[in-house]
Amino acid sequence: MKLKNIILTVGITFILTILLVFTIEFFLFGLNKNPHVVLSVDSPDGVYKAYAEESPSIDPPNQSLFIAKVGTNDFKLVDGLSEDIDMIQEIFLSPNSKKVVFLTGWYLIITNVEKFNTYKISLNPDWWKWHKEPGGTFSSSSKNITIEKALFIHPDTLEFKTNIMSNPEKICMADI
């Protein structure tokens, strides 16, 4: 009878310890919080709002990009950024409010708000490297890519230049 009580006590203690550790980590890392908006921009015509939302994470950032119709509950998810790697830098809209550009640390993500077509442009041309040791980590180049210029020169044409480009690049977005 004593052995059964000891086994039962050890089992219950083990389960309670696991629950306690999980609860502490849950609150310590903020996983009990709701997502919150970190950056938002209204369209020039006031019909749309483009925004980035940060979700709770053990290893932030953990951001997603959205477009919503102002004054309604209607929204669309544009993209979920790579957790722990990418985050929003800037959001801007075309003068006619038809295109949204999300500038992240790694990409220009262009979305047509009516058709919802999305075009993604990589800002860093380097390949990622996989390191088997120690611990199976990965890395990218140590280049810090920044946008020096990004503007609409026409409602359907975006011109941008990064710090590693010698000349600006133009993107015609009429088909997006």
C-alpha atoms as a PDB file:
ATOM      1  CA  MET A   1       0.000   0.000   0.000  1.00  0.00           C
ATOM      2  CA  LYS A   2       2.854   2.371   0.764  1.00  0.00           C
ATOM      3  CA  LEU A   3       4.456   1.829  -2.665  1.00  0.00           C
ATOM      4  CA  LYS A   4       1.197   2.760  -4.430  1.00  0.00           C
ATOM      5  CA  ASN A   5       1.003   6.006  -2.419  1.00  0.00           C
ATOM      6  CA  ILE A   6       4.613   6.893  -3.260  1.00  0.00           C
ATOM      7  CA  ILE A   7       4.078   6.247  -6.983  1.00  0.00           C
ATOM      8  CA  LEU A   8       0.856   8.279  -6.940  1.00  0.00           C
ATOM      9  CA  THR A   9       2.559  11.167  -5.095  1.00  0.00           C
ATOM     10  CA  VAL A  10       5.523  11.171  -7.522  1.00  0.00           C
ATOM     11  CA  GLY A  11       3.171  11.081 -10.530  1.00  0.00           C
ATOM     12  CA  ILE A  12       1.022  13.947  -9.269  1.00  0.00           C
ATOM     13  CA  THR A  13       4.124  15.992  -8.340  1.00  0.00           C
ATOM     14  CA  PHE A  14       5.579  15.411 -11.802  1.00  0.00           C
ATOM     15  CA  ILE A  15       2.387  16.527 -13.567  1.00  0.00           C
ATOM     16  CA  LEU A  16       2.008  19.611 -11.342  1.00  0.00           C
ATOM     17  CA  THR A  17       5.649  20.576 -11.925  1.00  0.00           C
ATOM     18  CA  ILE A  18       5.199  20.347 -15.710  1.00  0.00           C
ATOM     19  CA  LEU A  19       2.031  22.460 -15.537  1.00  0.00           C
ATOM     20  CA  LEU A  20       3.740  25.039 -13.315  1.00  0.00           C
ATOM     21  CA  VAL A  21       6.759  25.346 -15.635  1.00  0.00           C
ATOM     22  CA  PHE A  22       4.475  25.682 -18.689  1.00  0.00           C
ATOM     23  CA  THR A  23       2.369  28.351 -16.963  1.00  0.00           C
ATOM     24  CA  ILE A  24       5.432  30.362 -15.918  1.00  0.00           C
ATOM     25  CA  GLU A  25       6.899  30.223 -19.446  1.00  0.00           C
ATOM     26  CA  PHE A  26       3.506  31.095 -20.945  1.00  0.00           C
ATOM     27  CA  PHE A  27       3.321  34.333 -18.973  1.00  0.00           C
ATOM     28  CA  LEU A  28       7.069  35.049 -18.958  1.00  0.00           C
ATOM     29  CA  PHE A  29       7.280  35.034 -22.777  1.00  0.00           C
ATOM     30  CA  GLY A  30       3.999  36.931 -23.168  1.00  0.00           C
ATOM     31  CA  LEU A  31       2.219  34.113 -24.983  1.00  0.00           C
ATOM     32  CA  ASN A  32      -0.954  35.063 -23.114  1.00  0.00           C
ATOM     33  CA  LYS A  33      -1.137  38.410 -24.941  1.00  0.00           C
ATOM     34  CA  ASN A  34      -3.098  39.190 -28.084  1.00  0.00           C
ATOM     35  CA  PRO A  35      -1.457  40.299 -31.323  1.00  0.00           C
ATOM     36  CA  HIS A  36      -0.994  44.062 -31.638  1.00  0.00           C
ATOM     37  CA  VAL A  37      -0.498  46.463 -34.542  1.00  0.00           C
ATOM     38  CA  VAL A  38       3.096  47.698 -34.865  1.00  0.00           C
ATOM     39  CA  LEU A  39       2.659  49.868 -37.959  1.00  0.00           C
ATOM     40  CA  SER A  40      -0.361  50.999 -39.991  1.00  0.00           C
ATOM     41  CA  VAL A  41      -1.034  53.370 -42.875  1.00  0.00           C
ATOM     42  CA  ASP A  42      -4.350  54.537 -44.333  1.00  0.00           C
ATOM     43  CA  SER A  43      -4.772  54.733 -48.102  1.00  0.00           C
ATOM     44  CA  PRO A  44      -4.916  58.230 -49.642  1.00  0.00           C
ATOM     45  CA  ASP A  45      -8.612  57.721 -50.476  1.00  0.00           C
ATOM     46  CA  GLY A  46      -9.365  56.519 -46.914  1.00  0.00           C
ATOM     47  CA  VAL A  47     -10.902  53.212 -48.061  1.00  0.00           C
ATOM     48  CA  TYR A  48      -8.121  50.841 -46.942  1.00  0.00           C
ATOM     49  CA  LYS A  49      -5.719  50.421 -44.052  1.00  0.00           C
ATOM     50  CA  ALA A  50      -2.488  48.465 -44.504  1.00  0.00           C
ATOM     51  CA  TYR A  51      -0.901  47.244 -41.302  1.00  0.00           C
ATOM     52  CA  ALA A  52       1.601  44.886 -39.693  1.00  0.00           C
ATOM     53  CA  GLU A  53       0.668  42.913 -36.609  1.00  0.00           C
ATOM     54  CA  GLU A  54       3.054  41.397 -34.036  1.00  0.00           C
ATOM     55  CA  SER A  55       1.929  38.082 -32.553  1.00  0.00           C
ATOM     56  CA  PRO A  56       3.247  36.725 -29.252  1.00  0.00           C
ATOM     57  CA  SER A  57       6.358  34.607 -29.725  1.00  0.00           C
ATOM     58  CA  ILE A  58       9.162  33.016 -27.758  1.00  0.00           C
ATOM     59  CA  ASP A  59      11.615  34.302 -30.381  1.00  0.00           C
ATOM     60  CA  PRO A  60      10.264  37.576 -31.878  1.00  0.00           C
ATOM     61  CA  PRO A  61       9.655  39.237 -34.238  1.00  0.00           C
ATOM     62  CA  ASN A  62       6.608  37.297 -35.412  1.00  0.00           C
ATOM     63  CA  GLN A  63       4.786  39.626 -37.778  1.00  0.00           C
ATOM     64  CA  SER A  64       2.017  39.331 -40.350  1.00  0.00           C
ATOM     65  CA  LEU A  65       0.928  41.834 -42.986  1.00  0.00           C
ATOM     66  CA  PHE A  66      -2.730  42.743 -43.566  1.00  0.00           C
ATOM     67  CA  ILE A  67      -4.997  44.972 -45.635  1.00  0.00           C
ATOM     68  CA  ALA A  68      -8.389  45.948 -44.196  1.00  0.00           C
ATOM     69  CA  LYS A  69     -11.364  47.937 -45.423  1.00  0.00           C
ATOM     70  CA  VAL A  70     -11.746  50.950 -43.128  1.00  0.00           C
ATOM     71  CA  GLY A  71     -14.981  50.976 -41.114  1.00  0.00           C
ATOM     72  CA  THR A  72     -15.705  47.275 -41.648  1.00  0.00           C
ATOM     73  CA  ASN A  73     -14.558  43.959 -40.233  1.00  0.00           C
ATOM     74  CA  ASP A  74     -13.226  42.909 -43.667  1.00  0.00           C
ATOM     75  CA  PHE A  75      -9.512  42.164 -43.949  1.00  0.00           C
ATOM     76  CA  LYS A  76      -7.056  39.976 -45.846  1.00  0.00           C
ATOM     77  CA  LEU A  77      -3.765  38.425 -44.811  1.00  0.00           C
ATOM     78  CA  VAL A  78      -1.066  39.450 -47.302  1.00  0.00           C
ATOM     79  CA  ASP A  79       1.882  37.520 -45.881  1.00  0.00           C
ATOM     80  CA  GLY A  80       3.339  36.078 -42.703  1.00  0.00           C
ATOM     81  CA  LEU A  81       6.943  37.163 -42.295  1.00  0.00           C
ATOM     82  CA  SER A  82       9.607  34.666 -41.287  1.00  0.00           C
ATOM     83  CA  GLU A  83       9.616  34.499 -37.505  1.00  0.00           C
ATOM     84  CA  ASP A  84      12.817  35.682 -35.826  1.00  0.00           C
ATOM     85  CA  ILE A  85      14.176  36.855 -39.196  1.00  0.00           C
ATOM     86  CA  ASP A  86      12.077  39.496 -40.913  1.00  0.00           C
ATOM     87  CA  MET A  87      10.114  42.515 -39.728  1.00  0.00           C
ATOM     88  CA  ILE A  88       8.266  45.469 -41.200  1.00  0.00           C
ATOM     89  CA  GLN A  89      10.249  48.630 -41.924  1.00  0.00           C
ATOM     90  CA  GLU A  90       7.738  50.797 -43.784  1.00  0.00           C
ATOM     91  CA  ILE A  91       4.342  50.696 -45.516  1.00  0.00           C
ATOM     92  CA  PHE A  92       3.257  52.995 -48.316  1.00  0.00           C
ATOM     93  CA  LEU A  93       0.418  53.133 -50.816  1.00  0.00           C
ATOM     94  CA  SER A  94       0.179  54.297 -54.411  1.00  0.00           C
ATOM     95  CA  PRO A  95      -1.380  57.725 -54.993  1.00  0.00           C
ATOM     96  CA  ASN A  96      -4.521  56.055 -56.418  1.00  0.00           C
ATOM     97  CA  SER A  97      -4.785  53.736 -53.356  1.00  0.00           C
ATOM     98  CA  LYS A  98      -4.731  50.603 -55.554  1.00  0.00           C
ATOM     99  CA  LYS A  99      -1.307  49.219 -54.566  1.00  0.00           C
ATOM    100  CA  VAL A 100       0.245  48.677 -51.142  1.00  0.00           C
ATOM    101  CA  VAL A 101       3.987  48.246 -50.675  1.00  0.00           C
ATOM    102  CA  PHE A 102       5.259  46.583 -47.509  1.00  0.00           C
ATOM    103  CA  LEU A 103       8.974  47.132 -47.039  1.00  0.00           C
ATOM    104  CA  THR A 104      10.499  44.526 -44.737  1.00  0.00           C
ATOM    105  CA  GLY A 105      14.092  43.815 -43.848  1.00  0.00           C
ATOM    106  CA  TRP A 106      14.264  41.263 -46.678  1.00  0.00           C
ATOM    107  CA  TYR A 107      11.554  42.064 -49.221  1.00  0.00           C
ATOM    108  CA  LEU A 108       9.387  44.551 -51.033  1.00  0.00           C
ATOM    109  CA  ILE A 109       5.918  43.005 -50.978  1.00  0.00           C
ATOM    110  CA  ILE A 110       3.536  44.688 -53.404  1.00  0.00           C
ATOM    111  CA  THR A 111      -0.200  43.927 -53.292  1.00  0.00           C
ATOM    112  CA  ASN A 112      -3.115  45.055 -55.421  1.00  0.00           C
ATOM    113  CA  VAL A 113      -5.898  45.868 -52.944  1.00  0.00           C
ATOM    114  CA  GLU A 114      -8.701  45.118 -55.404  1.00  0.00           C
ATOM    115  CA  LYS A 115      -7.490  41.940 -57.141  1.00  0.00           C
ATOM    116  CA  PHE A 116      -5.307  40.921 -54.205  1.00  0.00           C
ATOM    117  CA  ASN A 117      -2.434  39.839 -56.451  1.00  0.00           C
ATOM    118  CA  THR A 118       0.875  39.975 -54.613  1.00  0.00           C
ATOM    119  CA  TYR A 119       4.414  40.351 -55.944  1.00  0.00           C
ATOM    120  CA  LYS A 120       7.462  39.780 -53.737  1.00  0.00           C
ATOM    121  CA  ILE A 121      10.909  41.193 -54.516  1.00  0.00           C
ATOM    122  CA  SER A 122      13.960  39.999 -52.617  1.00  0.00           C
ATOM    123  CA  LEU A 123      16.233  42.831 -51.519  1.00  0.00           C
ATOM    124  CA  ASN A 124      19.164  40.616 -50.572  1.00  0.00           C
ATOM    125  CA  PRO A 125      20.412  38.433 -53.461  1.00  0.00           C
ATOM    126  CA  ASP A 126      22.630  36.269 -51.230  1.00  0.00           C
ATOM    127  CA  TRP A 127      21.874  32.639 -50.437  1.00  0.00           C
ATOM    128  CA  TRP A 128      21.353  31.381 -46.907  1.00  0.00           C
ATOM    129  CA  LYS A 129      23.878  28.924 -45.493  1.00  0.00           C
ATOM    130  CA  TRP A 130      23.042  25.876 -43.384  1.00  0.00           C
ATOM    131  CA  HIS A 131      25.516  25.031 -40.606  1.00  0.00           C
ATOM    132  CA  LYS A 132      25.117  21.447 -39.400  1.00  0.00           C
ATOM    133  CA  GLU A 133      27.238  22.121 -36.347  1.00  0.00           C
ATOM    134  CA  PRO A 134      26.709  23.474 -33.746  1.00  0.00           C
ATOM    135  CA  GLY A 135      23.029  22.775 -33.367  1.00  0.00           C
ATOM    136  CA  GLY A 136      21.895  23.039 -36.982  1.00  0.00           C
ATOM    137  CA  THR A 137      21.847  26.820 -37.296  1.00  0.00           C
ATOM    138  CA  PHE A 138      21.661  28.934 -40.452  1.00  0.00           C
ATOM    139  CA  SER A 139      22.946  32.306 -41.488  1.00  0.00           C
ATOM    140  CA  SER A 140      22.703  34.777 -44.312  1.00  0.00           C
ATOM    141  CA  SER A 141      25.239  37.262 -45.516  1.00  0.00           C
ATOM    142  CA  SER A 142      26.211  39.908 -43.044  1.00  0.00           C
ATOM    143  CA  LYS A 143      25.118  42.574 -45.535  1.00  0.00           C
ATOM    144  CA  ASN A 144      22.780  45.156 -44.117  1.00  0.00           C
ATOM    145  CA  ILE A 145      20.466  45.983 -47.032  1.00  0.00           C
ATOM    146  CA  THR A 146      18.599  49.262 -46.753  1.00  0.00           C
ATOM    147  CA  ILE A 147      16.258  51.054 -49.120  1.00  0.00           C
ATOM    148  CA  GLU A 148      17.694  54.399 -50.145  1.00  0.00           C
ATOM    149  CA  LYS A 149      14.785  55.316 -52.398  1.00  0.00           C
ATOM    150  CA  ALA A 150      11.267  53.973 -52.882  1.00  0.00           C
ATOM    151  CA  LEU A 151       8.587  56.071 -54.505  1.00  0.00           C
ATOM    152  CA  PHE A 152       5.738  55.885 -56.947  1.00  0.00           C
ATOM    153  CA  ILE A 153       6.724  57.778 -60.106  1.00  0.00           C
ATOM    154  CA  HIS A 154       3.334  56.842 -61.600  1.00  0.00           C
ATOM    155  CA  PRO A 155       0.312  55.188 -59.925  1.00  0.00           C
ATOM    156  CA  ASP A 156       1.420  51.848 -61.435  1.00  0.00           C
ATOM    157  CA  THR A 157       5.205  52.306 -61.398  1.00  0.00           C
ATOM    158  CA  LEU A 158       7.433  51.987 -58.366  1.00  0.00           C
ATOM    159  CA  GLU A 159      11.056  53.034 -58.430  1.00  0.00           C
ATOM    160  CA  PHE A 160      13.396  51.778 -55.722  1.00  0.00           C
ATOM    161  CA  LYS A 161      17.099  51.581 -54.959  1.00  0.00           C
ATOM    162  CA  THR A 162      18.953  49.757 -52.205  1.00  0.00           C
ATOM    163  CA  ASN A 163      22.375  50.558 -50.822  1.00  0.00           C
ATOM    164  CA  ILE A 164      23.899  47.675 -52.832  1.00  0.00           C
ATOM    165  CA  MET A 165      22.381  48.719 -56.189  1.00  0.00           C
ATOM    166  CA  SER A 166      24.223  51.087 -58.498  1.00  0.00           C
ATOM    167  CA  ASN A 167      21.048  52.239 -60.300  1.00  0.00           C
ATOM    168  CA  PRO A 168      17.396  52.415 -59.288  1.00  0.00           C
ATOM    169  CA  GLU A 169      15.037  49.733 -60.552  1.00  0.00           C
ATOM    170  CA  LYS A 170      11.540  50.413 -61.876  1.00  0.00           C
ATOM    171  CA  ILE A 171       8.653  47.996 -61.429  1.00  0.00           C
ATOM    172  CA  CYS A 172       5.561  48.348 -63.571  1.00  0.00           C
ATOM    173  CA  MET A 173       2.692  47.096 -61.449  1.00  0.00           C
ATOM    174  CA  ALA A 174      -0.110  47.421 -64.001  1.00  0.00           C
ATOM    175  CA  ASP A 175      -0.493  43.620 -64.137  1.00  0.00           C
ATOM    176  CA  ILE A 176      -0.331  43.066 -60.383  1.00  0.00           C
END
